[in-house]
Every structure is written in C-alpha cells, then in structure tokens.
Amino acid sequence: MEIFEVAVTCPDAATAAAIGRAAVEARLAACANIGGALRSLYHWEGAVAEDGEVLLMLKTRAALFDGLAAFVAARHPYRLPAITGWAVRCTPALAAWVAAETQGAPPPA
C-alpha cells in the first residue's frame, strides 16, 4: 500500500487545525501535523507577494489523494490553495496504521 504525505499551506494555525481535524474525522487522513510559521514568496496576479503562512501535513493512502485534495480545497479560504502530495517510505507499522485509519473513508463532501 502506497502512503502519501500531503502538504497544504494555510493562512493561519486555526485554518490548518480546522481543515486537518475535518480530514481526520472524515478518515481521509490518518494524521494531521501543523507546523510553525512560514514566510511564503510567490507570483500572484502579476506581482511578487509575500505572506505569513502555516504548513499543514496530512498522512493518507495514495488512493485517497484526489479525494483528500478536493475535500481540503472545498474548505480552504484561498482561491488556489497549494495542495501537494508525494509517496513516502515509512515503516511497515506506520503504513499499516495509516491504512487502518483511512479504511472506509467516505467520498469527499
């Protein structure tokens, strides 16, 4: 079973916590980790923007990535939320736990 780590930049810790909790409760993610403050620089609408953000990391199964991304995007305040995911190597015990905690995940609402 392929495990994915999903990164989402959020405007603040409260938004990251709300999205992370909703994803875990919906069993689309086994775990949500909320990191400290980030400074993000990016092109937006013809200019370079700079904002403070918080990083939300979610652990899930690869098969759930598209549904999880749609679920997060529907709850995210940005018009274009940065949602990225990649396969990770992890211990068999962690992979089994992620798989068990995301079994029976409902379709995204």
PDB file of N, CA and C in Angstrom:
ATOM      1  N   MET A   1       0.847  -1.170   0.000  1.00  0.00           N
ATOM      2  CA  MET A   1       0.000   0.000   0.000  1.00  0.00           C
ATOM      3  C   MET A   1       0.895   1.236   0.000  1.00  0.00           C
ATOM      4  N   GLU A   2       0.633   2.148  -0.895  1.00  0.00           N
ATOM      5  CA  GLU A   2       1.443   3.363  -1.003  1.00  0.00           C
ATOM      6  C   GLU A   2       0.892   4.450  -0.078  1.00  0.00           C
ATOM      7  N   ILE A   3       1.775   5.014   0.725  1.00  0.00           N
ATOM      8  CA  ILE A   3       1.413   6.068   1.664  1.00  0.00           C
ATOM      9  C   ILE A   3       1.835   7.412   1.078  1.00  0.00           C
ATOM     10  N   PHE A   4       0.987   8.403   1.252  1.00  0.00           N
ATOM     11  CA  PHE A   4       1.249   9.760   0.753  1.00  0.00           C
ATOM     12  C   PHE A   4       1.350  10.724   1.912  1.00  0.00           C
ATOM     13  N   GLU A   5       2.239  11.668   1.759  1.00  0.00           N
ATOM     14  CA  GLU A   5       2.333  12.835   2.637  1.00  0.00           C
ATOM     15  C   GLU A   5       1.781  13.995   1.826  1.00  0.00           C
ATOM     16  N   VAL A   6       0.862  14.737   2.394  1.00  0.00           N
ATOM     17  CA  VAL A   6       0.211  15.839   1.691  1.00  0.00           C
ATOM     18  C   VAL A   6       0.512  17.132   2.442  1.00  0.00           C
ATOM     19  N   ALA A   7       1.006  18.128   1.713  1.00  0.00           N
ATOM     20  CA  ALA A   7       1.332  19.426   2.303  1.00  0.00           C
ATOM     21  C   ALA A   7       0.322  20.462   1.825  1.00  0.00           C
ATOM     22  N   VAL A   8      -0.135  21.281   2.760  1.00  0.00           N
ATOM     23  CA  VAL A   8      -1.096  22.340   2.453  1.00  0.00           C
ATOM     24  C   VAL A   8      -0.644  23.603   3.181  1.00  0.00           C
ATOM     25  N   THR A   9      -0.442  24.688   2.461  1.00  0.00           N
ATOM     26  CA  THR A   9      -0.149  25.944   3.145  1.00  0.00           C
ATOM     27  C   THR A   9      -1.477  26.608   3.497  1.00  0.00           C
ATOM     28  N   CYS A  10      -1.546  27.128   4.718  1.00  0.00           N
ATOM     29  CA  CYS A  10      -2.766  27.750   5.243  1.00  0.00           C
ATOM     30  C   CYS A  10      -2.434  29.145   5.761  1.00  0.00           C
ATOM     31  N   PRO A  11      -3.426  30.033   5.805  1.00  0.00           N
ATOM     32  CA  PRO A  11      -3.150  31.396   6.250  1.00  0.00           C
ATOM     33  C   PRO A  11      -2.828  31.514   7.735  1.00  0.00           C
ATOM     34  N   ASP A  12      -3.284  30.535   8.548  1.00  0.00           N
ATOM     35  CA  ASP A  12      -3.051  30.614   9.988  1.00  0.00           C
ATOM     36  C   ASP A  12      -3.277  29.242  10.620  1.00  0.00           C
ATOM     37  N   ALA A  13      -2.884  29.137  11.892  1.00  0.00           N
ATOM     38  CA  ALA A  13      -2.990  27.855  12.593  1.00  0.00           C
ATOM     39  C   ALA A  13      -4.438  27.411  12.778  1.00  0.00           C
ATOM     40  N   ALA A  14      -5.352  28.351  12.977  1.00  0.00           N
ATOM     41  CA  ALA A  14      -6.760  27.981  13.167  1.00  0.00           C
ATOM     42  C   ALA A  14      -7.325  27.325  11.905  1.00  0.00           C
ATOM     43  N   THR A  15      -6.996  27.867  10.744  1.00  0.00           N
ATOM     44  CA  THR A  15      -7.457  27.282   9.484  1.00  0.00           C
ATOM     45  C   THR A  15      -6.847  25.904   9.293  1.00  0.00           C
ATOM     46  N   ALA A  16      -5.551  25.781   9.550  1.00  0.00           N
ATOM     47  CA  ALA A  16      -4.872  24.487   9.415  1.00  0.00           C
ATOM     48  C   ALA A  16      -5.508  23.455  10.349  1.00  0.00           C
ATOM     49  N   ALA A  17      -5.792  23.851  11.588  1.00  0.00           N
ATOM     50  CA  ALA A  17      -6.398  22.930  12.558  1.00  0.00           C
ATOM     51  C   ALA A  17      -7.801  22.510  12.127  1.00  0.00           C
ATOM     52  N   ALA A  18      -8.579  23.434  11.628  1.00  0.00           N
ATOM     53  CA  ALA A  18      -9.947  23.113  11.204  1.00  0.00           C
ATOM     54  C   ALA A  18      -9.939  22.149  10.022  1.00  0.00           C
ATOM     55  N   ILE A  19      -9.096  22.415   9.040  1.00  0.00           N
ATOM     56  CA  ILE A  19      -9.010  21.538   7.871  1.00  0.00           C
ATOM     57  C   ILE A  19      -8.436  20.184   8.268  1.00  0.00           C
ATOM     58  N   GLY A  20      -7.380  20.189   9.063  1.00  0.00           N
ATOM     59  CA  GLY A  20      -6.760  18.940   9.499  1.00  0.00           C
ATOM     60  C   GLY A  20      -7.719  18.073  10.291  1.00  0.00           C
ATOM     61  N   ARG A  21      -8.425  18.684  11.238  1.00  0.00           N
ATOM     62  CA  ARG A  21      -9.389  17.924  12.051  1.00  0.00           C
ATOM     63  C   ARG A  21     -10.496  17.339  11.168  1.00  0.00           C
ATOM     64  N   ALA A  22     -11.019  18.137  10.237  1.00  0.00           N
ATOM     65  CA  ALA A  22     -12.085  17.654   9.354  1.00  0.00           C
ATOM     66  C   ALA A  22     -11.604  16.478   8.504  1.00  0.00           C
ATOM     67  N   ALA A  23     -10.376  16.545   8.000  1.00  0.00           N
ATOM     68  CA  ALA A  23      -9.835  15.463   7.169  1.00  0.00           C
ATOM     69  C   ALA A  23      -9.645  14.187   7.987  1.00  0.00           C
ATOM     70  N   VAL A  24      -9.185  14.314   9.232  1.00  0.00           N
ATOM     71  CA  VAL A  24      -9.007  13.146  10.101  1.00  0.00           C
ATOM     72  C   VAL A  24     -10.373  12.574  10.489  1.00  0.00           C
ATOM     73  N   GLU A  25     -11.316  13.430  10.859  1.00  0.00           N
ATOM     74  CA  GLU A  25     -12.654  12.950  11.222  1.00  0.00           C
ATOM     75  C   GLU A  25     -13.332  12.230  10.062  1.00  0.00           C
ATOM     76  N   ALA A  26     -13.084  12.711   8.833  1.00  0.00           N
ATOM     77  CA  ALA A  26     -13.669  12.079   7.643  1.00  0.00           C
ATOM     78  C   ALA A  26     -12.900  10.828   7.222  1.00  0.00           C
ATOM     79  N   ARG A  27     -11.820  10.514   7.927  1.00  0.00           N
ATOM     80  CA  ARG A  27     -10.946   9.373   7.653  1.00  0.00           C
ATOM     81  C   ARG A  27     -10.281   9.454   6.282  1.00  0.00           C
ATOM     82  N   LEU A  28     -10.153  10.669   5.752  1.00  0.00           N
ATOM     83  CA  LEU A  28      -9.386  10.873   4.526  1.00  0.00           C
ATOM     84  C   LEU A  28      -7.903  11.004   4.846  1.00  0.00           C
ATOM     85  N   ALA A  29      -7.591  11.319   6.082  1.00  0.00           N
ATOM     86  CA  ALA A  29      -6.206  11.385   6.564  1.00  0.00           C
ATOM     87  C   ALA A  29      -6.142  10.670   7.903  1.00  0.00           C
ATOM     88  N   ALA A  30      -5.038   9.985   8.136  1.00  0.00           N
ATOM     89  CA  ALA A  30      -4.854   9.301   9.417  1.00  0.00           C
ATOM     90  C   ALA A  30      -4.335  10.265  10.463  1.00  0.00           C
ATOM     91  N   CYS A  31      -3.694  11.327  10.018  1.00  0.00           N
ATOM     92  CA  CYS A  31      -2.984  12.223  10.926  1.00  0.00           C
ATOM     93  C   CYS A  31      -2.849  13.591  10.279  1.00  0.00           C
ATOM     94  N   ALA A  32      -2.893  14.620  11.098  1.00  0.00           N
ATOM     95  CA  ALA A  32      -2.629  15.990  10.641  1.00  0.00           C
ATOM     96  C   ALA A  32      -1.570  16.593  11.556  1.00  0.00           C
ATOM     97  N   ASN A  33      -0.531  17.138  10.959  1.00  0.00           N
ATOM     98  CA  ASN A  33       0.522  17.827  11.706  1.00  0.00           C
ATOM     99  C   ASN A  33       0.510  19.283  11.282  1.00  0.00           C
ATOM    100  N   ILE A  34       0.566  20.178  12.257  1.00  0.00           N
ATOM    101  CA  ILE A  34       0.545  21.614  11.964  1.00  0.00           C
ATOM    102  C   ILE A  34       1.881  22.196  12.396  1.00  0.00           C
ATOM    103  N   GLY A  35       2.590  22.753  11.423  1.00  0.00           N
ATOM    104  CA  GLY A  35       3.911  23.315  11.678  1.00  0.00           C
ATOM    105  C   GLY A  35       3.838  24.767  12.100  1.00  0.00           C
ATOM    106  N   GLY A  36       5.000  25.305  12.361  1.00  0.00           N
ATOM    107  CA  GLY A  36       5.107  26.701  12.767  1.00  0.00           C
ATOM    108  C   GLY A  36       4.991  27.657  11.597  1.00  0.00           C
ATOM    109  N   ALA A  37       5.279  28.884  11.888  1.00  0.00           N
ATOM    110  CA  ALA A  37       5.133  29.959  10.905  1.00  0.00           C
ATOM    111  C   ALA A  37       6.105  29.791   9.740  1.00  0.00           C
ATOM    112  N   LEU A  38       5.622  30.097   8.559  1.00  0.00           N
ATOM    113  CA  LEU A  38       6.403  30.124   7.326  1.00  0.00           C
ATOM    114  C   LEU A  38       6.323  31.520   6.727  1.00  0.00           C
ATOM    115  N   ARG A  39       7.278  31.864   5.920  1.00  0.00           N
ATOM    116  CA  ARG A  39       7.196  33.085   5.113  1.00  0.00           C
ATOM    117  C   ARG A  39       7.172  32.619   3.673  1.00  0.00           C
ATOM    118  N   SER A  40       6.117  32.914   2.935  1.00  0.00           N
ATOM    119  CA  SER A  40       5.960  32.447   1.560  1.00  0.00           C
ATOM    120  C   SER A  40       6.107  33.601   0.584  1.00  0.00           C
ATOM    121  N   LEU A  41       6.898  33.375  -0.453  1.00  0.00           N
ATOM    122  CA  LEU A  41       7.090  34.322  -1.553  1.00  0.00           C
ATOM    123  C   LEU A  41       6.611  33.650  -2.824  1.00  0.00           C
ATOM    124  N   TYR A  42       5.775  34.331  -3.607  1.00  0.00           N
ATOM    125  CA  TYR A  42       5.215  33.703  -4.794  1.00  0.00           C
ATOM    126  C   TYR A  42       4.694  34.766  -5.756  1.00  0.00           C
ATOM    127  N   HIS A  43       4.591  34.370  -7.027  1.00  0.00           N
ATOM    128  CA  HIS A  43       3.976  35.248  -8.028  1.00  0.00           C
ATOM    129  C   HIS A  43       2.469  35.130  -7.896  1.00  0.00           C
ATOM    130  N   TRP A  44       1.766  36.255  -7.866  1.00  0.00           N
ATOM    131  CA  TRP A  44       0.307  36.243  -7.811  1.00  0.00           C
ATOM    132  C   TRP A  44      -0.225  37.508  -8.465  1.00  0.00           C
ATOM    133  N   GLU A  45      -1.048  37.313  -9.477  1.00  0.00           N
ATOM    134  CA  GLU A  45      -1.712  38.404 -10.183  1.00  0.00           C
ATOM    135  C   GLU A  45      -0.720  39.488 -10.620  1.00  0.00           C
ATOM    136  N   GLY A  46       0.375  39.041 -11.239  1.00  0.00           N
ATOM    137  CA  GLY A  46       1.325  39.953 -11.855  1.00  0.00           C
ATOM    138  C   GLY A  46       2.359  40.572 -10.932  1.00  0.00           C
ATOM    139  N   ALA A  47       2.408  40.167  -9.696  1.00  0.00           N
ATOM    140  CA  ALA A  47       3.375  40.741  -8.758  1.00  0.00           C
ATOM    141  C   ALA A  47       3.916  39.641  -7.850  1.00  0.00           C
ATOM    142  N   VAL A  48       5.015  39.944  -7.203  1.00  0.00           N
ATOM    143  CA  VAL A  48       5.545  39.030  -6.206  1.00  0.00           C
ATOM    144  C   VAL A  48       4.884  39.366  -4.873  1.00  0.00           C
ATOM    145  N   ALA A  49       4.262  38.369  -4.275  1.00  0.00           N
ATOM    146  CA  ALA A  49       3.578  38.539  -2.989  1.00  0.00           C
ATOM    147  C   ALA A  49       4.408  37.871  -1.898  1.00  0.00           C
ATOM    148  N   GLU A  50       4.214  38.335  -0.690  1.00  0.00           N
ATOM    149  CA  GLU A  50       4.887  37.753   0.471  1.00  0.00           C
ATOM    150  C   GLU A  50       3.888  37.720   1.615  1.00  0.00           C
ATOM    151  N   ASP A  51       3.707  36.519   2.186  1.00  0.00           N
ATOM    152  CA  ASP A  51       2.732  36.341   3.256  1.00  0.00           C
ATOM    153  C   ASP A  51       3.249  35.369   4.301  1.00  0.00           C
ATOM    154  N   GLY A  52       2.728  35.512   5.504  1.00  0.00           N
ATOM    155  CA  GLY A  52       2.955  34.522   6.543  1.00  0.00           C
ATOM    156  C   GLY A  52       1.948  33.402   6.382  1.00  0.00           C
ATOM    157  N   GLU A  53       2.396  32.171   6.541  1.00  0.00           N
ATOM    158  CA  GLU A  53       1.511  31.019   6.419  1.00  0.00           C
ATOM    159  C   GLU A  53       1.918  29.964   7.449  1.00  0.00           C
ATOM    160  N   VAL A  54       1.115  28.913   7.528  1.00  0.00           N
ATOM    161  CA  VAL A  54       1.360  27.767   8.396  1.00  0.00           C
ATOM    162  C   VAL A  54       1.274  26.522   7.516  1.00  0.00           C
ATOM    163  N   LEU A  55       2.124  25.531   7.790  1.00  0.00           N
ATOM    164  CA  LEU A  55       2.123  24.310   6.994  1.00  0.00           C
ATOM    165  C   LEU A  55       1.313  23.215   7.681  1.00  0.00           C
ATOM    166  N   LEU A  56       0.362  22.662   6.949  1.00  0.00           N
ATOM    167  CA  LEU A  56      -0.433  21.517   7.387  1.00  0.00           C
ATOM    168  C   LEU A  56       0.059  20.300   6.615  1.00  0.00           C
ATOM    169  N   MET A  57       0.425  19.242   7.332  1.00  0.00           N
ATOM    170  CA  MET A  57       0.867  17.993   6.714  1.00  0.00           C
ATOM    171  C   MET A  57      -0.146  16.906   7.066  1.00  0.00           C
ATOM    172  N   LEU A  58      -0.563  16.153   6.060  1.00  0.00           N
ATOM    173  CA  LEU A  58      -1.546  15.092   6.245  1.00  0.00           C
ATOM    174  C   LEU A  58      -0.967  13.771   5.756  1.00  0.00           C
ATOM    175  N   LYS A  59      -1.207  12.689   6.487  1.00  0.00           N
ATOM    176  CA  LYS A  59      -0.777  11.357   6.071  1.00  0.00           C
ATOM    177  C   LYS A  59      -2.007  10.589   5.600  1.00  0.00           C
ATOM    178  N   THR A  60      -1.893   9.984   4.409  1.00  0.00           N
ATOM    179  CA  THR A  60      -3.018   9.275   3.823  1.00  0.00           C
ATOM    180  C   THR A  60      -2.524   8.159   2.919  1.00  0.00           C
ATOM    181  N   ARG A  61      -3.454   7.439   2.324  1.00  0.00           N
ATOM    182  CA  ARG A  61      -3.126   6.448   1.296  1.00  0.00           C
ATOM    183  C   ARG A  61      -3.113   7.143  -0.061  1.00  0.00           C
ATOM    184  N   ALA A  62      -2.265   6.666  -0.960  1.00  0.00           N
ATOM    185  CA  ALA A  62      -2.163   7.264  -2.299  1.00  0.00           C
ATOM    186  C   ALA A  62      -3.526   7.277  -2.997  1.00  0.00           C
ATOM    187  N   ALA A  63      -4.299   6.232  -2.809  1.00  0.00           N
ATOM    188  CA  ALA A  63      -5.599   6.134  -3.473  1.00  0.00           C
ATOM    189  C   ALA A  63      -6.573   7.225  -3.031  1.00  0.00           C
ATOM    190  N   LEU A  64      -6.315   7.837  -1.887  1.00  0.00           N
ATOM    191  CA  LEU A  64      -7.222   8.866  -1.371  1.00  0.00           C
ATOM    192  C   LEU A  64      -6.774  10.292  -1.708  1.00  0.00           C
ATOM    193  N   PHE A  65      -5.615  10.432  -2.372  1.00  0.00           N
ATOM    194  CA  PHE A  65      -5.092  11.781  -2.589  1.00  0.00           C
ATOM    195  C   PHE A  65      -6.082  12.701  -3.305  1.00  0.00           C
ATOM    196  N   ASP A  66      -6.644  12.283  -4.412  1.00  0.00           N
ATOM    197  CA  ASP A  66      -7.544  13.161  -5.168  1.00  0.00           C
ATOM    198  C   ASP A  66      -8.759  13.577  -4.335  1.00  0.00           C
ATOM    199  N   GLY A  67      -9.345  12.630  -3.628  1.00  0.00           N
ATOM    200  CA  GLY A  67     -10.492  12.954  -2.780  1.00  0.00           C
ATOM    201  C   GLY A  67     -10.114  13.874  -1.635  1.00  0.00           C
ATOM    202  N   LEU A  68      -8.955  13.618  -1.027  1.00  0.00           N
ATOM    203  CA  LEU A  68      -8.484  14.480   0.056  1.00  0.00           C
ATOM    204  C   LEU A  68      -8.198  15.881  -0.456  1.00  0.00           C
ATOM    205  N   ALA A  69      -7.572  15.989  -1.616  1.00  0.00           N
ATOM    206  CA  ALA A  69      -7.281  17.309  -2.189  1.00  0.00           C
ATOM    207  C   ALA A  69      -8.575  18.089  -2.453  1.00  0.00           C
ATOM    208  N   ALA A  70      -9.587  17.431  -2.979  1.00  0.00           N
ATOM    209  CA  ALA A  70     -10.875  18.095  -3.222  1.00  0.00           C
ATOM    210  C   ALA A  70     -11.528  18.505  -1.906  1.00  0.00           C
ATOM    211  N   PHE A  71     -11.459  17.652  -0.902  1.00  0.00           N
ATOM    212  CA  PHE A  71     -12.013  17.920   0.424  1.00  0.00           C
ATOM    213  C   PHE A  71     -11.347  19.149   1.035  1.00  0.00           C
ATOM    214  N   VAL A  72     -10.020  19.197   0.970  1.00  0.00           N
ATOM    215  CA  VAL A  72      -9.271  20.333   1.515  1.00  0.00           C
ATOM    216  C   VAL A  72      -9.606  21.608   0.746  1.00  0.00           C
ATOM    217  N   ALA A  73      -9.590  21.542  -0.569  1.00  0.00           N
ATOM    218  CA  ALA A  73      -9.859  22.729  -1.391  1.00  0.00           C
ATOM    219  C   ALA A  73     -11.240  23.316  -1.102  1.00  0.00           C
ATOM    220  N   ALA A  74     -12.218  22.456  -0.845  1.00  0.00           N
ATOM    221  CA  ALA A  74     -13.578  22.927  -0.566  1.00  0.00           C
ATOM    222  C   ALA A  74     -13.679  23.678   0.757  1.00  0.00           C
ATOM    223  N   ARG A  75     -12.722  23.458   1.657  1.00  0.00           N
ATOM    224  CA  ARG A  75     -12.743  24.088   2.987  1.00  0.00           C
ATOM    225  C   ARG A  75     -11.689  25.182   3.144  1.00  0.00           C
ATOM    226  N   HIS A  76     -10.885  25.375   2.131  1.00  0.00           N
ATOM    227  CA  HIS A  76      -9.749  26.296   2.209  1.00  0.00           C
ATOM    228  C   HIS A  76     -10.169  27.702   1.770  1.00  0.00           C
ATOM    229  N   PRO A  77      -9.690  28.734   2.456  1.00  0.00           N
ATOM    230  CA  PRO A  77     -10.091  30.095   2.092  1.00  0.00           C
ATOM    231  C   PRO A  77      -9.407  30.653   0.844  1.00  0.00           C
ATOM    232  N   TYR A  78      -8.310  30.063   0.388  1.00  0.00           N
ATOM    233  CA  TYR A  78      -7.612  30.587  -0.796  1.00  0.00           C
ATOM    234  C   TYR A  78      -8.354  30.190  -2.067  1.00  0.00           C
ATOM    235  N   ARG A  79      -8.288  31.048  -3.077  1.00  0.00           N
ATOM    236  CA  ARG A  79      -8.840  30.702  -4.391  1.00  0.00           C
ATOM    237  C   ARG A  79      -8.048  29.572  -5.032  1.00  0.00           C
ATOM    238  N   LEU A  80      -6.742  29.534  -4.783  1.00  0.00           N
ATOM    239  CA  LEU A  80      -5.873  28.497  -5.322  1.00  0.00           C
ATOM    240  C   LEU A  80      -4.999  27.944  -4.198  1.00  0.00           C
ATOM    241  N   PRO A  81      -5.553  27.056  -3.379  1.00  0.00           N
ATOM    242  CA  PRO A  81      -4.735  26.510  -2.289  1.00  0.00           C
ATOM    243  C   PRO A  81      -3.616  25.633  -2.839  1.00  0.00           C
ATOM    244  N   ALA A  82      -2.460  25.719  -2.223  1.00  0.00           N
ATOM    245  CA  ALA A  82      -1.324  24.875  -2.600  1.00  0.00           C
ATOM    246  C   ALA A  82      -1.467  23.544  -1.873  1.00  0.00           C
ATOM    247  N   ILE A  83      -1.839  22.519  -2.613  1.00  0.00           N
ATOM    248  CA  ILE A  83      -2.022  21.177  -2.066  1.00  0.00           C
ATOM    249  C   ILE A  83      -1.121  20.264  -2.882  1.00  0.00           C
ATOM    250  N   THR A  84      -0.079  19.737  -2.260  1.00  0.00           N
ATOM    251  CA  THR A  84       0.849  18.860  -2.958  1.00  0.00           C
ATOM    252  C   THR A  84       0.947  17.543  -2.203  1.00  0.00           C
ATOM    253  N   GLY A  85       1.248  16.489  -2.924  1.00  0.00           N
ATOM    254  CA  GLY A  85       1.376  15.191  -2.286  1.00  0.00           C
ATOM    255  C   GLY A  85       2.431  14.352  -2.970  1.00  0.00           C
ATOM    256  N   TRP A  86       3.037  13.475  -2.207  1.00  0.00           N
ATOM    257  CA  TRP A  86       4.069  12.603  -2.752  1.00  0.00           C
ATOM    258  C   TRP A  86       4.115  11.320  -1.941  1.00  0.00           C
ATOM    259  N   ALA A  87       4.564  10.269  -2.611  1.00  0.00           N
ATOM    260  CA  ALA A  87       4.721   8.972  -1.945  1.00  0.00           C
ATOM    261  C   ALA A  87       5.884   9.052  -0.968  1.00  0.00           C
ATOM    262  N   VAL A  88       5.732   8.388   0.167  1.00  0.00           N
ATOM    263  CA  VAL A  88       6.797   8.359   1.172  1.00  0.00           C
ATOM    264  C   VAL A  88       7.108   6.921   1.556  1.00  0.00           C
ATOM    265  N   ARG A  89       8.355   6.704   1.936  1.00  0.00           N
ATOM    266  CA  ARG A  89       8.743   5.432   2.527  1.00  0.00           C
ATOM    267  C   ARG A  89       8.566   5.578   4.021  1.00  0.00           C
ATOM    268  N   CYS A  90       8.019   4.568   4.635  1.00  0.00           N
ATOM    269  CA  CYS A  90       7.838   4.598   6.081  1.00  0.00           C
ATOM    270  C   CYS A  90       7.916   3.170   6.609  1.00  0.00           C
ATOM    271  N   THR A  91       7.914   3.048   7.901  1.00  0.00           N
ATOM    272  CA  THR A  91       7.972   1.715   8.495  1.00  0.00           C
ATOM    273  C   THR A  91       6.696   0.949   8.166  1.00  0.00           C
ATOM    274  N   PRO A  92       6.782  -0.354   8.101  1.00  0.00           N
ATOM    275  CA  PRO A  92       5.572  -1.146   7.861  1.00  0.00           C
ATOM    276  C   PRO A  92       4.494  -0.882   8.913  1.00  0.00           C
ATOM    277  N   ALA A  93       4.894  -0.663  10.146  1.00  0.00           N
ATOM    278  CA  ALA A  93       3.903  -0.405  11.199  1.00  0.00           C
ATOM    279  C   ALA A  93       3.172   0.912  10.957  1.00  0.00           C
ATOM    280  N   LEU A  94       3.889   1.950  10.541  1.00  0.00           N
ATOM    281  CA  LEU A  94       3.229   3.229  10.255  1.00  0.00           C
ATOM    282  C   LEU A  94       2.311   3.099   9.048  1.00  0.00           C
ATOM    283  N   ALA A  95       2.776   2.420   8.008  1.00  0.00           N
ATOM    284  CA  ALA A  95       1.941   2.217   6.820  1.00  0.00           C
ATOM    285  C   ALA A  95       0.660   1.477   7.174  1.00  0.00           C
ATOM    286  N   ALA A  96       0.762   0.457   8.012  1.00  0.00           N
ATOM    287  CA  ALA A  96      -0.425  -0.303   8.426  1.00  0.00           C
ATOM    288  C   ALA A  96      -1.377   0.580   9.215  1.00  0.00           C
ATOM    289  N   TRP A  97      -0.843   1.432  10.078  1.00  0.00           N
ATOM    290  CA  TRP A  97      -1.681   2.335  10.862  1.00  0.00           C
ATOM    291  C   TRP A  97      -2.403   3.335   9.960  1.00  0.00           C
ATOM    292  N   VAL A  98      -1.676   3.950   9.015  1.00  0.00           N
ATOM    293  CA  VAL A  98      -2.311   4.895   8.086  1.00  0.00           C
ATOM    294  C   VAL A  98      -3.410   4.190   7.303  1.00  0.00           C
ATOM    295  N   ALA A  99      -3.117   2.999   6.816  1.00  0.00           N
ATOM    296  CA  ALA A  99      -4.119   2.243   6.057  1.00  0.00           C
ATOM    297  C   ALA A  99      -5.347   1.941   6.907  1.00  0.00           C
ATOM    298  N   ALA A 100      -5.130   1.495   8.139  1.00  0.00           N
ATOM    299  CA  ALA A 100      -6.253   1.158   9.018  1.00  0.00           C
ATOM    300  C   ALA A 100      -7.098   2.374   9.359  1.00  0.00           C
ATOM    301  N   GLU A 101      -6.456   3.503   9.576  1.00  0.00           N
ATOM    302  CA  GLU A 101      -7.190   4.706   9.989  1.00  0.00           C
ATOM    303  C   GLU A 101      -7.914   5.402   8.843  1.00  0.00           C
ATOM    304  N   THR A 102      -7.591   5.029   7.609  1.00  0.00           N
ATOM    305  CA  THR A 102      -8.273   5.651   6.462  1.00  0.00           C
ATOM    306  C   THR A 102      -9.168   4.669   5.713  1.00  0.00           C
ATOM    307  N   GLN A 103      -9.298   3.455   6.218  1.00  0.00           N
ATOM    308  CA  GLN A 103     -10.204   2.492   5.583  1.00  0.00           C
ATOM    309  C   GLN A 103     -11.645   2.980   5.738  1.00  0.00           C
ATOM    310  N   GLY A 104     -12.418   2.771   4.734  1.00  0.00           N
ATOM    311  CA  GLY A 104     -13.815   3.179   4.794  1.00  0.00           C
ATOM    312  C   GLY A 104     -14.005   4.674   4.694  1.00  0.00           C
ATOM    313  N   ALA A 105     -12.985   5.368   4.165  1.00  0.00           N
ATOM    314  CA  ALA A 105     -13.108   6.823   4.021  1.00  0.00           C
ATOM    315  C   ALA A 105     -14.277   7.154   3.104  1.00  0.00           C
ATOM    316  N   PRO A 106     -15.127   8.075   3.518  1.00  0.00           N
ATOM    317  CA  PRO A 106     -16.266   8.458   2.678  1.00  0.00           C
ATOM    318  C   PRO A 106     -15.805   9.283   1.496  1.00  0.00           C
ATOM    319  N   PRO A 107     -16.622   9.388   0.458  1.00  0.00           N
ATOM    320  CA  PRO A 107     -16.261  10.280  -0.634  1.00  0.00           C
ATOM    321  C   PRO A 107     -16.241  11.718  -0.138  1.00  0.00           C
ATOM    322  N   PRO A 108     -15.437  12.576  -0.771  1.00  0.00           N
ATOM    323  CA  PRO A 108     -15.374  13.970  -0.306  1.00  0.00           C
ATOM    324  C   PRO A 108     -16.724  14.671  -0.432  1.00  0.00           C
ATOM    325  N   ALA A 109     -17.013  15.505   0.545  1.00  0.00           N
ATOM    326  CA  ALA A 109     -18.278  16.259   0.531  1.00  0.00           C
ATOM    327  C   ALA A 109     -18.076  17.630  -0.057  1.00  0.00           C
TER     328      ALA A 109
END
